[in-house]
Amino acid sequence: MKKSFTLIETIVVIAVIGLTLPVLFATILTLMRQQIKIYRLSQVKREGDYIINLMENTIRNRAVTVHSEQPTDNNLVCQDGDYTPPSGALYFLDEDKQWFGYLFENNSIASKSADLDNPPDILTFPLTSSKILVDNTFSISCSRTSAYLPVSILLDFDICYYTGAGICTSSRPEEITSLHYQMRVKLRNY
């Protein structure tokens, strides 16, 4: 007598495979989406932390005066109160008479700097990669509550992973990877 599968056994095996295969593919697809979300979130966090740490350390340790545009004696701000620049940029002068600033440019936070002795050498470069965008809610301002206290710089922005769908938006909420950053730093050298 030959040993073989019966028709019932074959149908049961096909039914079990037909039921488990979609569950297996759905599980794998869900895991892949979660890995993509984790990767995007880690990229956003890495670049957001880089921006906030760079700006905080540079402003705290190097800035002496705060200006509304490229530093001159006429555009000092925050001497006796709050100031929010209409252009969305603040500039700082350090002890070596070199100036630097931070501004919102092309959906990125950019750093701008130069040496006052060599004015043509103005350098501007973005602080984020092309896949990370800063939302239009970027805000930088300064505040001084008393003549005896140093100036505080306030920074506020949203940063997200660019998916091609738009700035920090997506048709599917689970695809949005966005973080909000806020910082208040006091100038040491003021």
Protein backbone atom coordinates (compact mmCIF):
# COMPACT_ATOMS: atom_id res chain seq x y z
CA MET A 1 0.00 0.00 0.00
CA LYS A 2 1.33 3.49 -0.97
CA LYS A 3 1.57 6.17 1.64
CA SER A 4 0.26 9.52 0.41
CA PHE A 5 -1.73 12.51 1.56
CA THR A 6 -5.45 12.38 1.35
CA LEU A 7 -7.45 15.17 -0.21
CA ILE A 8 -8.65 16.32 3.24
CA GLU A 9 -5.09 16.52 4.58
CA THR A 10 -3.96 18.55 1.57
CA ILE A 11 -6.88 20.99 1.92
CA VAL A 12 -6.16 21.42 5.66
CA VAL A 13 -2.47 22.18 4.98
CA ILE A 14 -3.38 24.72 2.27
CA ALA A 15 -5.94 26.37 4.60
CA VAL A 16 -3.42 26.63 7.47
CA ILE A 17 -0.80 28.13 5.16
CA GLY A 18 -3.42 30.48 3.69
CA LEU A 19 -4.35 31.72 7.19
CA THR A 20 -0.86 32.06 8.66
CA LEU A 21 0.90 33.65 5.67
CA PRO A 22 -1.07 36.94 5.74
CA VAL A 23 -0.56 37.20 9.51
CA LEU A 24 3.16 36.62 9.05
CA PHE A 25 3.41 39.26 6.28
CA ALA A 26 1.38 41.77 8.31
CA THR A 27 3.69 41.27 11.29
CA ILE A 28 6.81 41.73 9.15
CA LEU A 29 5.35 44.84 7.50
CA THR A 30 4.47 46.34 10.91
CA LEU A 31 8.00 45.67 12.20
CA MET A 32 9.52 47.31 9.11
CA ARG A 33 7.34 50.42 9.56
CA GLN A 34 8.35 50.67 13.20
CA GLN A 35 12.03 50.39 12.28
CA ILE A 36 11.63 53.19 9.72
CA LYS A 37 9.86 55.35 12.33
CA ILE A 38 12.62 54.69 14.88
CA TYR A 39 15.31 55.53 12.30
CA ARG A 40 13.60 58.79 11.33
CA LEU A 41 13.04 59.79 14.94
CA SER A 42 16.69 59.10 15.81
CA GLN A 43 17.82 61.26 12.85
CA VAL A 44 15.52 64.11 13.92
CA LYS A 45 16.67 63.86 17.55
CA ARG A 46 20.35 63.70 16.59
CA GLU A 47 20.19 66.81 14.40
CA GLY A 48 17.90 68.71 16.79
CA ASP A 49 20.24 67.98 19.71
CA TYR A 50 23.21 69.04 17.58
CA ILE A 51 21.59 72.37 16.70
CA ILE A 52 20.49 73.15 20.24
CA ASN A 53 23.87 72.20 21.79
CA LEU A 54 25.89 74.10 19.19
CA MET A 55 23.82 77.25 19.56
CA GLU A 56 23.69 77.06 23.35
CA ASN A 57 27.44 76.57 23.80
CA THR A 58 28.42 79.15 21.19
CA ILE A 59 26.05 81.82 22.47
CA ARG A 60 26.81 81.19 26.14
CA ASN A 61 30.57 81.06 25.81
CA ARG A 62 31.33 83.48 22.96
CA ALA A 63 28.66 86.18 22.65
CA VAL A 64 29.34 89.60 24.14
CA THR A 65 26.68 91.76 22.48
CA VAL A 66 23.39 91.03 20.67
CA HIS A 67 22.48 92.77 17.38
CA SER A 68 19.47 92.89 15.08
CA GLU A 69 21.62 92.50 11.96
CA GLN A 70 25.30 92.28 11.11
CA PRO A 71 26.92 93.97 14.13
CA THR A 72 27.49 97.70 14.28
CA ASP A 73 27.18 100.15 17.18
CA ASN A 74 23.77 101.28 15.91
CA ASN A 75 21.91 97.97 16.01
CA LEU A 76 22.46 96.73 19.57
CA VAL A 77 19.34 95.10 21.00
CA CYS A 78 18.20 93.79 24.39
CA GLN A 79 19.87 96.59 26.31
CA ASP A 80 16.77 97.33 28.35
CA GLY A 81 14.03 94.83 27.54
CA ASP A 82 12.77 92.21 25.13
CA TYR A 83 13.43 92.05 21.40
CA THR A 84 12.04 89.75 18.73
CA PRO A 85 13.64 90.35 15.34
CA PRO A 86 11.21 90.73 12.44
CA SER A 87 13.68 88.94 10.15
CA GLY A 88 13.91 85.89 12.44
CA ALA A 89 17.67 86.33 12.95
CA LEU A 90 19.92 87.51 15.76
CA TYR A 91 23.60 88.30 15.45
CA PHE A 92 26.29 88.27 18.13
CA LEU A 93 29.68 89.88 18.50
CA ASP A 94 32.41 88.05 20.40
CA GLU A 95 35.50 89.30 22.25
CA ASP A 96 37.68 88.88 19.14
CA LYS A 97 35.45 91.27 17.14
CA GLN A 98 34.13 88.41 15.04
CA TRP A 99 30.40 88.12 14.58
CA PHE A 100 28.11 85.14 14.19
CA GLY A 101 24.38 84.70 13.91
CA TYR A 102 21.58 82.20 13.49
CA LEU A 103 18.70 82.55 11.09
CA PHE A 104 15.87 80.58 9.51
CA GLU A 105 16.66 79.95 5.85
CA ASN A 106 15.21 77.43 3.34
CA ASN A 107 13.49 75.30 6.01
CA SER A 108 16.75 75.00 7.93
CA ILE A 109 18.52 76.84 10.71
CA ALA A 110 21.63 78.41 9.24
CA SER A 111 24.74 79.76 10.90
CA LYS A 112 26.25 82.94 9.54
CA SER A 113 29.64 84.28 10.61
CA ALA A 114 32.46 86.57 9.59
CA ASP A 115 35.49 88.47 10.76
CA LEU A 116 34.91 92.23 10.97
CA ASP A 117 38.47 92.83 9.81
CA ASN A 118 37.71 90.91 6.57
CA PRO A 119 34.08 91.81 5.74
CA PRO A 120 33.83 90.01 2.38
CA ASP A 121 34.45 86.65 4.06
CA ILE A 122 30.86 85.95 5.15
CA LEU A 123 30.08 82.28 5.59
CA THR A 124 26.54 80.86 5.72
CA PHE A 125 25.83 77.17 6.08
CA PRO A 126 22.80 75.12 7.14
CA LEU A 127 22.93 73.20 10.39
CA THR A 128 20.66 70.37 9.21
CA SER A 129 20.83 67.82 6.42
CA SER A 130 18.49 67.80 3.42
CA LYS A 131 16.25 65.15 5.01
CA ILE A 132 15.62 67.17 8.17
CA LEU A 133 13.43 70.27 8.01
CA VAL A 134 12.75 73.04 10.48
CA ASP A 135 9.12 74.09 10.54
CA ASN A 136 8.05 77.67 9.89
CA THR A 137 7.49 78.14 13.62
CA PHE A 138 11.19 78.97 14.16
CA SER A 139 11.58 81.81 16.63
CA ILE A 140 14.65 83.45 18.17
CA SER A 141 14.50 86.43 20.51
CA CYS A 142 16.31 88.00 23.43
CA SER A 143 15.19 89.24 26.80
CA ARG A 144 16.69 91.25 29.65
CA THR A 145 14.68 91.78 32.82
CA SER A 146 17.15 93.95 34.74
CA ALA A 147 20.19 96.09 34.08
CA TYR A 148 22.17 93.84 36.45
CA LEU A 149 21.27 90.58 34.74
CA PRO A 150 22.73 89.19 31.52
CA VAL A 151 20.70 88.88 28.35
CA SER A 152 18.74 85.66 27.79
CA ILE A 153 18.38 84.25 24.31
CA LEU A 154 15.16 82.34 23.66
CA LEU A 155 14.97 79.78 20.87
CA ASP A 156 11.90 77.79 19.82
CA PHE A 157 11.46 75.51 16.79
CA ASP A 158 9.93 72.28 15.48
CA ILE A 159 12.11 69.90 13.52
CA CYS A 160 10.91 66.96 11.43
CA TYR A 161 11.92 64.30 8.93
CA TYR A 162 11.18 65.25 5.33
CA THR A 163 8.98 62.62 3.66
CA GLY A 164 8.29 64.56 0.49
CA ALA A 165 4.68 65.20 1.48
CA GLY A 166 5.29 68.65 2.91
CA ILE A 167 6.76 70.35 5.91
CA CYS A 168 6.23 68.26 9.05
CA THR A 169 2.93 66.86 7.71
CA SER A 170 1.75 63.58 6.30
CA SER A 171 -1.52 61.99 5.31
CA ARG A 172 -0.78 59.21 7.80
CA PRO A 173 -0.18 60.37 11.38
CA GLU A 174 2.07 57.41 12.17
CA GLU A 175 4.57 58.67 9.57
CA ILE A 176 5.09 62.05 11.23
CA THR A 177 8.39 62.23 13.07
CA SER A 178 8.64 65.66 14.61
CA LEU A 179 10.17 67.07 17.80
CA HIS A 180 9.78 70.43 19.50
CA TYR A 181 12.83 72.21 20.92
CA GLN A 182 13.01 75.18 23.29
CA MET A 183 16.07 76.77 24.82
CA ARG A 184 16.87 79.69 27.09
CA VAL A 185 20.52 80.56 27.46
CA LYS A 186 22.14 83.44 29.33
CA LEU A 187 25.19 85.19 27.95
CA ARG A 188 28.23 84.78 30.20
CA ASN A 189 30.34 87.54 28.70
CA TYR A 190 27.70 90.26 28.66
